[in-house]
Amino acid sequence: MLKRDIESIKCFANPFYQLIFQTKWNEMSVTEKQDLMMSYIDTIEVIKKDKYIKIKHISFRKTFIEEYANLFANKGINKAVEITKNNAPINIEVSAPMTREEIKSYIRKLQLNYPIDYQELRKEQINDKQFMLKYIKGNYFNEPFKLIPIIDKFKITHYGLIEVPVSPINIANINI
């Protein structure tokens, strides 16, 4: 998990880092891309309209779904969710729940490799299906990267938030 998060932080903090992955994808043949995608998909139903193709239904391989669930439960992967920040939607990773001790250990390891900030946010229930987290940026140049549900006596009452520094935009390189 640590190595994957360090790579994700590099992509998050430096948008050019992601170009390497896009270049690899673009260098793959259509057959290689199809083979990669179909290794996760059992069946796919599409609708063709003129020149456009619309996906109607995708059935993922059962083994893929089971592996995904196991990896998430064992903190092997994160889940991307859309949340609202100041009435604007943003995507953020959510990890599997951890105890405070597990989070402290993980944060220490992550900070050895990358300058991150961490804070805890109290979960305030709005209704049965919604809750709110009050968040104040720790540093103007930081952006939220990952939420970690904190297990406290078998309940989740707080979330840990990892923030990563994002390079400021160089005004000298922008054409106005």
Protein backbone atom coordinates (compact mmCIF):
# COMPACT_ATOMS: atom_id res chain seq x y z
CA MET A 1 0.00 0.00 0.00
CA LEU A 2 2.84 2.40 0.85
CA LYS A 3 4.58 2.07 -2.53
CA ARG A 4 1.29 2.50 -4.43
CA ASP A 5 0.38 5.61 -2.42
CA ILE A 6 3.80 7.14 -3.03
CA GLU A 7 3.30 6.63 -6.78
CA SER A 8 -0.22 8.10 -6.53
CA ILE A 9 1.11 11.13 -4.65
CA LYS A 10 3.71 11.68 -7.37
CA CYS A 11 0.92 11.66 -9.98
CA PHE A 12 -1.24 13.93 -7.85
CA ALA A 13 1.48 16.46 -7.07
CA ASN A 14 3.00 16.48 -10.57
CA PRO A 15 0.55 16.09 -13.47
CA PHE A 16 3.46 15.44 -15.88
CA TYR A 17 4.30 12.23 -14.02
CA GLN A 18 1.07 10.72 -15.32
CA LEU A 19 2.19 11.29 -18.92
CA ILE A 20 4.45 8.23 -18.64
CA PHE A 21 1.41 6.01 -18.12
CA GLN A 22 -0.53 7.73 -20.89
CA THR A 23 2.42 7.28 -23.25
CA LYS A 24 2.57 3.54 -22.45
CA TRP A 25 -1.17 3.23 -23.10
CA ASN A 26 -0.88 5.10 -26.40
CA GLU A 27 1.98 2.82 -27.50
CA MET A 28 -0.15 -0.31 -27.00
CA SER A 29 -1.88 -1.80 -30.02
CA VAL A 30 -5.69 -1.99 -30.15
CA THR A 31 -5.46 -5.76 -29.58
CA GLU A 32 -3.25 -5.30 -26.49
CA LYS A 33 -5.69 -2.74 -25.06
CA GLN A 34 -8.65 -5.06 -25.74
CA ASP A 35 -6.88 -8.01 -24.13
CA LEU A 36 -6.08 -5.94 -21.04
CA MET A 37 -9.64 -4.65 -20.66
CA MET A 38 -11.25 -8.02 -21.34
CA SER A 39 -9.15 -9.68 -18.63
CA TYR A 40 -11.48 -7.87 -16.18
CA ILE A 41 -14.75 -8.03 -18.13
CA ASP A 42 -16.93 -11.11 -18.57
CA THR A 43 -19.50 -9.61 -20.94
CA ILE A 44 -20.20 -6.18 -22.33
CA GLU A 45 -23.33 -4.96 -24.09
CA VAL A 46 -23.01 -1.96 -26.36
CA ILE A 47 -25.37 0.08 -28.51
CA LYS A 48 -24.06 1.45 -31.79
CA LYS A 49 -25.60 4.67 -33.08
CA ASP A 50 -24.11 6.02 -36.28
CA LYS A 51 -20.42 6.50 -35.46
CA TYR A 52 -20.89 6.39 -31.68
CA ILE A 53 -20.83 3.43 -29.33
CA LYS A 54 -22.60 3.60 -25.97
CA ILE A 55 -22.00 1.04 -23.22
CA LYS A 56 -25.31 -0.36 -22.03
CA HIS A 57 -24.12 -2.95 -19.50
CA ILE A 58 -20.83 -4.41 -18.24
CA SER A 59 -20.52 -7.64 -16.26
CA PHE A 60 -17.15 -7.90 -14.58
CA ARG A 61 -15.58 -11.30 -13.98
CA LYS A 62 -16.69 -12.72 -10.66
CA THR A 63 -13.12 -13.51 -9.70
CA PHE A 64 -12.15 -9.88 -10.38
CA ILE A 65 -14.93 -8.56 -8.12
CA GLU A 66 -14.00 -11.04 -5.37
CA GLU A 67 -10.32 -10.14 -5.65
CA TYR A 68 -11.18 -6.43 -5.57
CA ALA A 69 -13.31 -6.90 -2.42
CA ASN A 70 -10.55 -8.92 -0.74
CA LEU A 71 -7.88 -6.38 -1.67
CA PHE A 72 -9.99 -3.49 -0.34
CA ALA A 73 -10.76 -5.33 2.91
CA ASN A 74 -7.05 -6.14 3.34
CA LYS A 75 -5.98 -2.52 2.63
CA GLY A 76 -4.48 -3.51 -0.74
CA ILE A 77 -6.38 -0.93 -2.79
CA ASN A 78 -8.35 2.24 -2.29
CA LYS A 79 -11.75 3.28 -3.53
CA ALA A 80 -12.27 6.55 -5.39
CA VAL A 81 -15.35 8.50 -4.29
CA GLU A 82 -16.79 11.84 -5.24
CA ILE A 83 -17.35 14.25 -2.38
CA THR A 84 -18.43 17.86 -2.24
CA LYS A 85 -15.94 20.49 -1.14
CA ASN A 86 -17.41 24.01 -0.90
CA ASN A 87 -20.28 22.96 -3.20
CA ALA A 88 -17.84 21.68 -5.84
CA PRO A 89 -17.42 17.94 -6.52
CA ILE A 90 -13.93 16.45 -6.15
CA ASN A 91 -12.64 12.89 -6.36
CA ILE A 92 -10.70 11.49 -3.43
CA GLU A 93 -9.38 8.08 -2.47
CA VAL A 94 -10.87 6.30 0.53
CA SER A 95 -8.93 3.45 2.09
CA ALA A 96 -10.20 0.55 4.14
CA PRO A 97 -10.78 1.46 7.82
CA MET A 98 -7.77 1.47 10.16
CA THR A 99 -7.16 1.95 13.84
CA ARG A 100 -5.37 5.10 15.02
CA GLU A 101 -2.26 3.05 15.76
CA GLU A 102 -2.22 1.63 12.20
CA ILE A 103 -2.69 5.12 10.75
CA LYS A 104 0.11 6.63 12.88
CA SER A 105 2.50 3.92 11.75
CA TYR A 106 1.47 4.34 8.13
CA ILE A 107 1.78 8.15 8.22
CA ARG A 108 5.30 7.90 9.71
CA LYS A 109 6.37 5.59 6.85
CA LEU A 110 4.77 7.80 4.22
CA GLN A 111 6.42 10.95 5.65
CA LEU A 112 9.84 9.32 5.25
CA ASN A 113 9.26 9.34 1.49
CA TYR A 114 7.10 12.39 0.85
CA PRO A 115 6.15 15.60 2.69
CA ILE A 116 2.53 15.10 3.68
CA ASP A 117 0.23 16.53 6.33
CA TYR A 118 -2.37 14.62 8.29
CA GLN A 119 -5.41 15.69 10.28
CA GLU A 120 -8.45 14.04 11.82
CA LEU A 121 -11.97 15.11 10.92
CA ARG A 122 -15.01 14.42 13.09
CA LYS A 123 -17.88 12.64 11.35
CA GLU A 124 -21.12 14.59 11.86
CA GLN A 125 -24.21 12.62 10.86
CA ILE A 126 -26.76 14.58 8.75
CA ASN A 127 -29.24 11.72 8.24
CA ASP A 128 -29.18 7.92 7.87
CA LYS A 129 -27.33 8.07 4.56
CA GLN A 130 -25.28 11.26 4.75
CA PHE A 131 -22.60 12.67 6.98
CA MET A 132 -20.39 15.73 6.91
CA LEU A 133 -16.70 16.24 7.63
CA LYS A 134 -15.60 19.76 8.57
CA TYR A 135 -12.29 20.37 6.87
CA ILE A 136 -9.91 23.31 7.06
CA LYS A 137 -6.81 23.19 4.86
CA GLY A 138 -3.66 22.84 6.90
CA ASN A 139 -1.56 24.56 4.24
CA TYR A 140 -2.66 26.74 1.31
CA PHE A 141 -0.56 24.68 -1.16
CA ASN A 142 -1.90 21.32 0.04
CA GLU A 143 -4.72 19.36 -1.53
CA PRO A 144 -6.72 16.50 0.04
CA PHE A 145 -5.38 13.15 -1.18
CA LYS A 146 -6.89 10.35 0.88
CA LEU A 147 -9.54 9.72 3.54
CA ILE A 148 -9.06 6.93 6.05
CA PRO A 149 -12.03 5.83 8.17
CA ILE A 150 -10.81 5.48 11.76
CA ILE A 151 -12.06 2.44 13.67
CA ASP A 152 -12.77 3.32 17.30
CA LYS A 153 -14.47 0.60 19.34
CA PHE A 154 -16.01 -0.98 16.21
CA LYS A 155 -17.47 2.37 15.09
CA ILE A 156 -16.29 5.01 12.66
CA THR A 157 -16.62 8.43 14.30
CA HIS A 158 -13.63 10.15 12.68
CA TYR A 159 -11.77 10.16 9.36
CA GLY A 160 -8.08 10.77 8.84
CA LEU A 161 -7.23 13.06 5.94
CA ILE A 162 -3.88 13.00 4.16
CA GLU A 163 -2.96 16.22 2.37
CA VAL A 164 -0.18 16.47 -0.21
CA PRO A 165 1.63 19.60 -1.40
CA VAL A 166 0.82 20.60 -4.95
CA SER A 167 3.25 22.72 -6.91
CA PRO A 168 2.05 26.26 -7.47
CA ILE A 169 1.43 27.28 -11.06
CA ASN A 170 4.30 29.27 -12.55
CA ILE A 171 2.65 32.48 -13.81
CA ALA A 172 5.64 33.23 -16.08
CA ASN A 173 4.75 30.24 -18.30
CA ILE A 174 1.08 31.16 -18.77
CA ASN A 175 0.00 33.16 -21.81
CA ILE A 176 -2.51 35.78 -20.74
